[in-house]
């Protein structure tokens, strides 16, 4: 089974290379805060199969399941790790 993660430092390279970041959280959570350039799964009619996709959720567990099912990637540690690393590295 293919399951691979992307970490905080790899994410910007992936996004620069046209990867699609799909946020799996509830839409109201997405509206409160989301990673720039990400899209909510609730905004998509289908999940594209022709490009690299990185799934994201709160902690990475749900995203890992989606990554396994779609043979794609997930953001390690979810949005909470992203926020923690963004603050630590002064990216906000």
C-alpha atoms as a PDB file:
ATOM      1  CA  UNK A   1       0.000   0.000   0.000  1.00  0.00           C
ATOM      2  CA  UNK A   2       1.332   3.398  -1.000  1.00  0.00           C
ATOM      3  CA  UNK A   3       1.224   6.000   1.753  1.00  0.00           C
ATOM      4  CA  UNK A   4       3.649   8.883   1.767  1.00  0.00           C
ATOM      5  CA  UNK A   5       3.795  12.064   3.761  1.00  0.00           C
ATOM      6  CA  UNK A   6       4.980  15.564   3.003  1.00  0.00           C
ATOM      7  CA  UNK A   7       6.506  17.585   5.809  1.00  0.00           C
ATOM      8  CA  UNK A   8       6.289  21.304   6.485  1.00  0.00           C
ATOM      9  CA  UNK A   9       9.548  22.054   4.656  1.00  0.00           C
ATOM     10  CA  UNK A  10       8.614  20.067   1.534  1.00  0.00           C
ATOM     11  CA  UNK A  11       5.163  21.620   1.232  1.00  0.00           C
ATOM     12  CA  UNK A  12       6.182  24.886  -0.454  1.00  0.00           C
ATOM     13  CA  UNK A  13       8.160  23.018  -3.141  1.00  0.00           C
ATOM     14  CA  UNK A  14       5.184  20.779  -3.833  1.00  0.00           C
ATOM     15  CA  UNK A  15       2.822  23.740  -4.081  1.00  0.00           C
ATOM     16  CA  UNK A  16       5.254  25.524  -6.405  1.00  0.00           C
ATOM     17  CA  UNK A  17       5.146  22.407  -8.589  1.00  0.00           C
ATOM     18  CA  UNK A  18       1.345  22.602  -8.933  1.00  0.00           C
ATOM     19  CA  UNK A  19       0.367  20.089  -6.240  1.00  0.00           C
ATOM     20  CA  UNK A  20      -3.201  20.419  -5.008  1.00  0.00           C
ATOM     21  CA  UNK A  21      -3.646  20.789  -1.241  1.00  0.00           C
ATOM     22  CA  UNK A  22      -7.059  19.454  -0.191  1.00  0.00           C
ATOM     23  CA  UNK A  23      -8.295  20.311   3.304  1.00  0.00           C
ATOM     24  CA  UNK A  24     -10.502  17.543   4.742  1.00  0.00           C
ATOM     25  CA  UNK A  25     -11.729  19.451   7.787  1.00  0.00           C
ATOM     26  CA  UNK A  26     -15.293  20.666   8.190  1.00  0.00           C
ATOM     27  CA  UNK A  27     -16.018  23.685   6.022  1.00  0.00           C
ATOM     28  CA  UNK A  28     -16.519  26.002   9.024  1.00  0.00           C
ATOM     29  CA  UNK A  29     -13.038  25.030  10.280  1.00  0.00           C
ATOM     30  CA  UNK A  30     -11.608  25.716   6.829  1.00  0.00           C
ATOM     31  CA  UNK A  31     -13.243  29.158   6.800  1.00  0.00           C
ATOM     32  CA  UNK A  32     -11.674  30.062  10.169  1.00  0.00           C
ATOM     33  CA  UNK A  33      -8.179  29.223   8.986  1.00  0.00           C
ATOM     34  CA  UNK A  34      -6.623  27.348   6.114  1.00  0.00           C
ATOM     35  CA  UNK A  35      -3.279  27.098   4.413  1.00  0.00           C
ATOM     36  CA  UNK A  36      -3.021  29.598   1.548  1.00  0.00           C
ATOM     37  CA  UNK A  37      -3.742  27.938  -1.806  1.00  0.00           C
ATOM     38  CA  UNK A  38      -5.560  24.998  -0.194  1.00  0.00           C
ATOM     39  CA  UNK A  39      -9.110  24.081  -1.161  1.00  0.00           C
ATOM     40  CA  UNK A  40     -11.794  22.545   0.998  1.00  0.00           C
ATOM     41  CA  UNK A  41     -12.927  19.089  -0.025  1.00  0.00           C
ATOM     42  CA  UNK A  42     -16.455  20.498   0.295  1.00  0.00           C
ATOM     43  CA  UNK A  43     -15.725  22.821  -2.661  1.00  0.00           C
ATOM     44  CA  UNK A  44     -14.778  19.999  -5.036  1.00  0.00           C
ATOM     45  CA  UNK A  45     -17.195  17.987  -7.147  1.00  0.00           C
ATOM     46  CA  UNK A  46     -14.544  15.290  -7.667  1.00  0.00           C
ATOM     47  CA  UNK A  47     -10.990  14.648  -6.596  1.00  0.00           C
ATOM     48  CA  UNK A  48      -8.681  15.061  -9.591  1.00  0.00           C
ATOM     49  CA  UNK A  49      -6.611  12.027 -10.517  1.00  0.00           C
ATOM     50  CA  UNK A  50      -4.190  13.751 -12.875  1.00  0.00           C
ATOM     51  CA  UNK A  51      -2.060  15.749 -10.434  1.00  0.00           C
ATOM     52  CA  UNK A  52      -0.188  15.357  -7.199  1.00  0.00           C
ATOM     53  CA  UNK A  53      -2.519  15.806  -4.232  1.00  0.00           C
ATOM     54  CA  UNK A  54      -1.634  16.490  -0.617  1.00  0.00           C
ATOM     55  CA  UNK A  55      -4.445  15.891   1.861  1.00  0.00           C
ATOM     56  CA  UNK A  56      -4.584  17.789   5.140  1.00  0.00           C
ATOM     57  CA  UNK A  57      -6.706  17.483   8.282  1.00  0.00           C
ATOM     58  CA  UNK A  58      -6.264  18.546  11.914  1.00  0.00           C
ATOM     59  CA  UNK A  59      -3.555  16.058  12.949  1.00  0.00           C
ATOM     60  CA  UNK A  60      -2.854  13.942   9.859  1.00  0.00           C
ATOM     61  CA  UNK A  61      -4.841  10.787  10.643  1.00  0.00           C
ATOM     62  CA  UNK A  62      -7.802  11.293   8.307  1.00  0.00           C
ATOM     63  CA  UNK A  63      -5.491  12.718   5.626  1.00  0.00           C
ATOM     64  CA  UNK A  64      -3.346   9.583   5.845  1.00  0.00           C
ATOM     65  CA  UNK A  65      -6.435   7.439   5.153  1.00  0.00           C
ATOM     66  CA  UNK A  66      -7.329   9.529   2.092  1.00  0.00           C
ATOM     67  CA  UNK A  67      -3.718   9.441   0.883  1.00  0.00           C
ATOM     68  CA  UNK A  68      -3.756   5.654   1.116  1.00  0.00           C
ATOM     69  CA  UNK A  69      -7.069   5.325  -0.714  1.00  0.00           C
ATOM     70  CA  UNK A  70      -6.145   7.721  -3.536  1.00  0.00           C
ATOM     71  CA  UNK A  71      -2.452   6.703  -3.687  1.00  0.00           C
ATOM     72  CA  UNK A  72      -1.414  10.274  -2.921  1.00  0.00           C
ATOM     73  CA  UNK A  73       0.224  12.221  -0.077  1.00  0.00           C
ATOM     74  CA  UNK A  74      -0.727  13.746   3.258  1.00  0.00           C
ATOM     75  CA  UNK A  75       0.700  16.589   5.303  1.00  0.00           C
ATOM     76  CA  UNK A  76       2.549  15.156   8.269  1.00  0.00           C
ATOM     77  CA  UNK A  77       1.061  16.379  11.562  1.00  0.00           C
ATOM     78  CA  UNK A  78      -1.863  18.150   9.895  1.00  0.00           C
ATOM     79  CA  UNK A  79      -2.794  21.794  10.194  1.00  0.00           C
ATOM     80  CA  UNK A  80      -1.767  21.938  13.838  1.00  0.00           C
ATOM     81  CA  UNK A  81       1.839  21.010  13.005  1.00  0.00           C
ATOM     82  CA  UNK A  82       1.740  23.470  10.097  1.00  0.00           C
ATOM     83  CA  UNK A  83       0.637  26.293  12.423  1.00  0.00           C
ATOM     84  CA  UNK A  84       3.261  25.350  15.014  1.00  0.00           C
ATOM     85  CA  UNK A  85       6.057  25.282  12.430  1.00  0.00           C
ATOM     86  CA  UNK A  86       4.854  28.502  10.790  1.00  0.00           C
ATOM     87  CA  UNK A  87       5.122  30.340  14.105  1.00  0.00           C
ATOM     88  CA  UNK A  88       8.471  28.760  14.919  1.00  0.00           C
ATOM     89  CA  UNK A  89       9.935  29.779  11.579  1.00  0.00           C
ATOM     90  CA  UNK A  90       8.184  33.184  11.455  1.00  0.00           C
ATOM     91  CA  UNK A  91       6.224  32.453   8.304  1.00  0.00           C
ATOM     92  CA  UNK A  92       3.003  34.167   9.415  1.00  0.00           C
END
